[in-house]
Amino acid sequence: MSGKSTFLRTILLNVILSQNLNTCFSDEFSLPFSQVYSSISTQDNIAGGASLFYVELSLINEMIHSNDESIKLLLIDEIFKGTNSIERQSLALATLRYLKSKSNIIVISTTHDIEIATLLREDFDLYYLSNYIKNGEMFFDHFFETWNKYQY
């Protein structure tokens, strides 16, 4: 509820606007990439025989195995949310580290999983969206803070 998915959608919207209308909602925007892939709001397809995990895995596989060597932007919301914690963490760590190792891939991913974030803090710049409670009501200020100042 703090705005992680909305943040990814905002990036995607600005990329689409800039590529198609040469405009976006920012003071400055540079596109070092030509392709954009997203795994945002993925859903299962039970009628088609595809679980949420399979749909996510297929999208990530498509991102990784694109034959084009141009620079790509990958937006991934809650990576591998469709599977259990142990497999999700192992797959997320391996996948995100692999994507980071590719010189032609820029990846932005969100997670609620503190363990994944903690294990990736040496590999990625980590940020979080803060919130606070005032008079028993929760507020989201949509302000990014760097994760690296906290030690876990």
C-alpha atoms as a PDB file:
ATOM      1  CA  MET A   1       0.000   0.000   0.000  1.00  0.00           C
ATOM      2  CA  SER A   2       2.963   2.332   0.171  1.00  0.00           C
ATOM      3  CA  GLY A   3       3.168   2.769  -3.599  1.00  0.00           C
ATOM      4  CA  LYS A   4       5.727   0.262  -4.934  1.00  0.00           C
ATOM      5  CA  SER A   5       3.513  -1.038  -7.729  1.00  0.00           C
ATOM      6  CA  THR A   6       2.326   2.478  -8.539  1.00  0.00           C
ATOM      7  CA  PHE A   7       5.951   3.587  -8.778  1.00  0.00           C
ATOM      8  CA  LEU A   8       6.673   0.849 -11.343  1.00  0.00           C
ATOM      9  CA  ARG A   9       3.536   1.740 -13.298  1.00  0.00           C
ATOM     10  CA  THR A  10       4.593   5.398 -13.289  1.00  0.00           C
ATOM     11  CA  ILE A  11       7.977   4.491 -14.759  1.00  0.00           C
ATOM     12  CA  LEU A  12       6.265   2.351 -17.394  1.00  0.00           C
ATOM     13  CA  LEU A  13       3.763   5.104 -18.254  1.00  0.00           C
ATOM     14  CA  ASN A  14       6.560   7.643 -18.688  1.00  0.00           C
ATOM     15  CA  VAL A  15       8.540   5.253 -20.890  1.00  0.00           C
ATOM     16  CA  ILE A  16       5.511   4.640 -23.114  1.00  0.00           C
ATOM     17  CA  LEU A  17       4.730   8.358 -23.326  1.00  0.00           C
ATOM     18  CA  SER A  18       8.329   9.270 -24.101  1.00  0.00           C
ATOM     19  CA  GLN A  19       8.724   6.586 -26.772  1.00  0.00           C
ATOM     20  CA  ASN A  20       5.417   7.322 -28.481  1.00  0.00           C
ATOM     21  CA  LEU A  21       4.653  11.000 -27.846  1.00  0.00           C
ATOM     22  CA  ASN A  22       8.088  12.384 -27.022  1.00  0.00           C
ATOM     23  CA  THR A  23       6.837  13.653 -23.669  1.00  0.00           C
ATOM     24  CA  CYS A  24       6.611  12.478 -20.059  1.00  0.00           C
ATOM     25  CA  PHE A  25       5.807  13.620 -16.531  1.00  0.00           C
ATOM     26  CA  SER A  26       9.227  14.715 -15.329  1.00  0.00           C
ATOM     27  CA  ASP A  27      11.684  17.574 -15.573  1.00  0.00           C
ATOM     28  CA  GLU A  28      14.119  15.338 -17.450  1.00  0.00           C
ATOM     29  CA  PHE A  29      13.952  11.820 -18.870  1.00  0.00           C
ATOM     30  CA  SER A  30      16.595   9.859 -20.753  1.00  0.00           C
ATOM     31  CA  LEU A  31      16.004   6.513 -22.443  1.00  0.00           C
ATOM     32  CA  PRO A  32      19.201   4.458 -22.661  1.00  0.00           C
ATOM     33  CA  PHE A  33      17.124   1.408 -23.586  1.00  0.00           C
ATOM     34  CA  SER A  34      14.941   0.439 -26.522  1.00  0.00           C
ATOM     35  CA  GLN A  35      12.891  -2.394 -25.039  1.00  0.00           C
ATOM     36  CA  VAL A  36      10.803  -2.509 -21.890  1.00  0.00           C
ATOM     37  CA  TYR A  37       9.508  -5.653 -20.235  1.00  0.00           C
ATOM     38  CA  SER A  38       7.204  -5.708 -17.246  1.00  0.00           C
ATOM     39  CA  SER A  39       5.878  -8.220 -14.792  1.00  0.00           C
ATOM     40  CA  ILE A  40       3.317  -6.067 -12.999  1.00  0.00           C
ATOM     41  CA  SER A  41      -0.104  -7.326 -11.837  1.00  0.00           C
ATOM     42  CA  THR A  42       0.483 -10.794 -13.247  1.00  0.00           C
ATOM     43  CA  GLN A  43      -2.403 -13.220 -12.905  1.00  0.00           C
ATOM     44  CA  ASP A  44      -2.799 -16.932 -13.243  1.00  0.00           C
ATOM     45  CA  ASN A  45      -4.617 -18.535 -16.151  1.00  0.00           C
ATOM     46  CA  ILE A  46      -6.214 -21.609 -14.645  1.00  0.00           C
ATOM     47  CA  ALA A  47      -8.379 -22.211 -17.716  1.00  0.00           C
ATOM     48  CA  GLY A  48      -5.209 -22.206 -19.812  1.00  0.00           C
ATOM     49  CA  GLY A  49      -3.380 -24.420 -17.325  1.00  0.00           C
ATOM     50  CA  ALA A  50      -0.945 -21.742 -16.132  1.00  0.00           C
ATOM     51  CA  SER A  51      -0.470 -21.035 -12.437  1.00  0.00           C
ATOM     52  CA  LEU A  52       0.664 -17.615 -11.228  1.00  0.00           C
ATOM     53  CA  PHE A  53       4.147 -19.016 -10.706  1.00  0.00           C
ATOM     54  CA  TYR A  54       4.240 -20.382 -14.273  1.00  0.00           C
ATOM     55  CA  VAL A  55       3.048 -17.052 -15.717  1.00  0.00           C
ATOM     56  CA  GLU A  56       5.741 -15.188 -13.745  1.00  0.00           C
ATOM     57  CA  LEU A  57       8.425 -17.688 -14.724  1.00  0.00           C
ATOM     58  CA  SER A  58       7.432 -17.418 -18.405  1.00  0.00           C
ATOM     59  CA  LEU A  59       7.633 -13.610 -18.307  1.00  0.00           C
ATOM     60  CA  ILE A  60      11.062 -13.654 -16.650  1.00  0.00           C
ATOM     61  CA  ASN A  61      12.234 -16.283 -19.148  1.00  0.00           C
ATOM     62  CA  GLU A  62      11.084 -14.069 -22.034  1.00  0.00           C
ATOM     63  CA  MET A  63      12.947 -11.118 -20.504  1.00  0.00           C
ATOM     64  CA  ILE A  64      16.161 -13.084 -20.143  1.00  0.00           C
ATOM     65  CA  HIS A  65      16.103 -14.840 -23.501  1.00  0.00           C
ATOM     66  CA  SER A  66      15.260 -11.960 -25.788  1.00  0.00           C
ATOM     67  CA  ASN A  67      17.614 -12.274 -28.780  1.00  0.00           C
ATOM     68  CA  ASP A  68      18.030  -8.534 -29.100  1.00  0.00           C
ATOM     69  CA  GLU A  69      21.307  -7.293 -27.599  1.00  0.00           C
ATOM     70  CA  SER A  70      20.017  -3.741 -27.128  1.00  0.00           C
ATOM     71  CA  ILE A  71      19.664  -2.304 -23.645  1.00  0.00           C
ATOM     72  CA  LYS A  72      16.455  -3.413 -21.929  1.00  0.00           C
ATOM     73  CA  LEU A  73      14.521  -2.102 -18.934  1.00  0.00           C
ATOM     74  CA  LEU A  74      12.887  -4.788 -16.794  1.00  0.00           C
ATOM     75  CA  LEU A  75      10.194  -3.834 -14.278  1.00  0.00           C
ATOM     76  CA  ILE A  76       9.337  -6.672 -11.901  1.00  0.00           C
ATOM     77  CA  ASP A  77       6.726  -6.306  -9.160  1.00  0.00           C
ATOM     78  CA  GLU A  78       6.951  -8.800  -6.281  1.00  0.00           C
ATOM     79  CA  ILE A  79       9.178 -11.301  -8.057  1.00  0.00           C
ATOM     80  CA  PHE A  80       7.922 -14.905  -7.874  1.00  0.00           C
ATOM     81  CA  LYS A  81       5.048 -14.098  -5.528  1.00  0.00           C
ATOM     82  CA  GLY A  82       3.233 -17.160  -6.850  1.00  0.00           C
ATOM     83  CA  THR A  83       5.325 -19.724  -4.994  1.00  0.00           C
ATOM     84  CA  ASN A  84       6.409 -20.643  -1.468  1.00  0.00           C
ATOM     85  CA  SER A  85       8.944 -18.622   0.537  1.00  0.00           C
ATOM     86  CA  ILE A  86      11.985 -20.881   0.186  1.00  0.00           C
ATOM     87  CA  GLU A  87      11.687 -21.294  -3.578  1.00  0.00           C
ATOM     88  CA  ARG A  88      10.719 -17.629  -4.053  1.00  0.00           C
ATOM     89  CA  GLN A  89      13.788 -16.425  -2.204  1.00  0.00           C
ATOM     90  CA  SER A  90      16.186 -18.793  -3.974  1.00  0.00           C
ATOM     91  CA  LEU A  91      14.766 -18.049  -7.422  1.00  0.00           C
ATOM     92  CA  ALA A  92      14.571 -14.301  -6.792  1.00  0.00           C
ATOM     93  CA  LEU A  93      18.179 -14.091  -5.599  1.00  0.00           C
ATOM     94  CA  ALA A  94      19.527 -16.151  -8.494  1.00  0.00           C
ATOM     95  CA  THR A  95      17.398 -14.381 -11.106  1.00  0.00           C
ATOM     96  CA  LEU A  96      18.057 -10.837  -9.922  1.00  0.00           C
ATOM     97  CA  ARG A  97      21.789 -11.466  -9.574  1.00  0.00           C
ATOM     98  CA  TYR A  98      21.866 -12.958 -13.067  1.00  0.00           C
ATOM     99  CA  LEU A  99      19.968  -9.984 -14.520  1.00  0.00           C
ATOM    100  CA  LYS A 100      22.315  -7.586 -12.735  1.00  0.00           C
ATOM    101  CA  SER A 101      25.311  -9.340 -14.314  1.00  0.00           C
ATOM    102  CA  LYS A 102      24.052  -8.621 -17.842  1.00  0.00           C
ATOM    103  CA  SER A 103      25.493  -5.401 -19.250  1.00  0.00           C
ATOM    104  CA  ASN A 104      22.452  -4.734 -21.429  1.00  0.00           C
ATOM    105  CA  ILE A 105      19.787  -5.033 -18.702  1.00  0.00           C
ATOM    106  CA  ILE A 106      18.499  -2.428 -16.269  1.00  0.00           C
ATOM    107  CA  VAL A 107      16.253  -4.030 -13.654  1.00  0.00           C
ATOM    108  CA  ILE A 108      13.912  -2.415 -11.144  1.00  0.00           C
ATOM    109  CA  SER A 109      12.156  -4.840  -8.841  1.00  0.00           C
ATOM    110  CA  THR A 110       9.951  -4.594  -5.768  1.00  0.00           C
ATOM    111  CA  THR A 111       9.516  -6.981  -2.864  1.00  0.00           C
ATOM    112  CA  HIS A 112       7.909  -7.219   0.548  1.00  0.00           C
ATOM    113  CA  ASP A 113      10.440  -9.899   1.458  1.00  0.00           C
ATOM    114  CA  ILE A 114      12.973  -8.375   3.865  1.00  0.00           C
ATOM    115  CA  GLU A 115      15.216 -11.447   3.557  1.00  0.00           C
ATOM    116  CA  ILE A 116      15.544 -11.028  -0.222  1.00  0.00           C
ATOM    117  CA  ALA A 117      16.309  -7.324   0.189  1.00  0.00           C
ATOM    118  CA  THR A 118      18.841  -8.010   2.923  1.00  0.00           C
ATOM    119  CA  LEU A 119      20.647 -10.648   0.852  1.00  0.00           C
ATOM    120  CA  LEU A 120      20.753  -8.334  -2.188  1.00  0.00           C
ATOM    121  CA  ARG A 121      21.976  -5.206  -0.425  1.00  0.00           C
ATOM    122  CA  GLU A 122      25.533  -5.703  -1.726  1.00  0.00           C
ATOM    123  CA  ASP A 123      24.323  -6.204  -5.309  1.00  0.00           C
ATOM    124  CA  PHE A 124      21.650  -3.516  -5.702  1.00  0.00           C
ATOM    125  CA  ASP A 125      20.779  -0.019  -4.553  1.00  0.00           C
ATOM    126  CA  LEU A 126      17.875  -0.588  -2.193  1.00  0.00           C
ATOM    127  CA  TYR A 127      15.137   1.882  -1.323  1.00  0.00           C
ATOM    128  CA  TYR A 128      11.916   1.699   0.596  1.00  0.00           C
ATOM    129  CA  LEU A 129       8.760   3.748   0.780  1.00  0.00           C
ATOM    130  CA  SER A 130       8.038   4.905   4.302  1.00  0.00           C
ATOM    131  CA  ASN A 131       4.818   5.163   6.258  1.00  0.00           C
ATOM    132  CA  TYR A 132       3.795   6.244   9.712  1.00  0.00           C
ATOM    133  CA  ILE A 133       0.883   6.015  12.137  1.00  0.00           C
ATOM    134  CA  LYS A 134      -0.694   9.157  13.557  1.00  0.00           C
ATOM    135  CA  ASN A 135      -3.690   9.077  15.896  1.00  0.00           C
ATOM    136  CA  GLY A 136      -4.216   5.418  15.059  1.00  0.00           C
ATOM    137  CA  GLU A 137      -4.356   6.041  11.315  1.00  0.00           C
ATOM    138  CA  MET A 138      -1.704   4.866   8.843  1.00  0.00           C
ATOM    139  CA  PHE A 139      -0.233   7.373   6.366  1.00  0.00           C
ATOM    140  CA  PHE A 140       2.006   6.819   3.377  1.00  0.00           C
ATOM    141  CA  ASP A 141       4.257   9.709   2.456  1.00  0.00           C
ATOM    142  CA  HIS A 142       5.548   8.129  -0.789  1.00  0.00           C
ATOM    143  CA  PHE A 143       9.046   9.274   0.076  1.00  0.00           C
ATOM    144  CA  PHE A 144      11.942   7.042  -0.941  1.00  0.00           C
ATOM    145  CA  GLU A 145      14.605   6.431   1.638  1.00  0.00           C
ATOM    146  CA  THR A 146      17.795   4.516   1.104  1.00  0.00           C
ATOM    147  CA  TRP A 147      17.833   1.090   2.673  1.00  0.00           C
ATOM    148  CA  ASN A 148      21.595   1.065   3.113  1.00  0.00           C
ATOM    149  CA  LYS A 149      21.503   3.208   6.241  1.00  0.00           C
ATOM    150  CA  TYR A 150      19.870   0.316   8.090  1.00  0.00           C
ATOM    151  CA  GLN A 151      21.851  -2.723   9.116  1.00  0.00           C
ATOM    152  CA  TYR A 152      20.027  -6.043   9.244  1.00  0.00           C
END
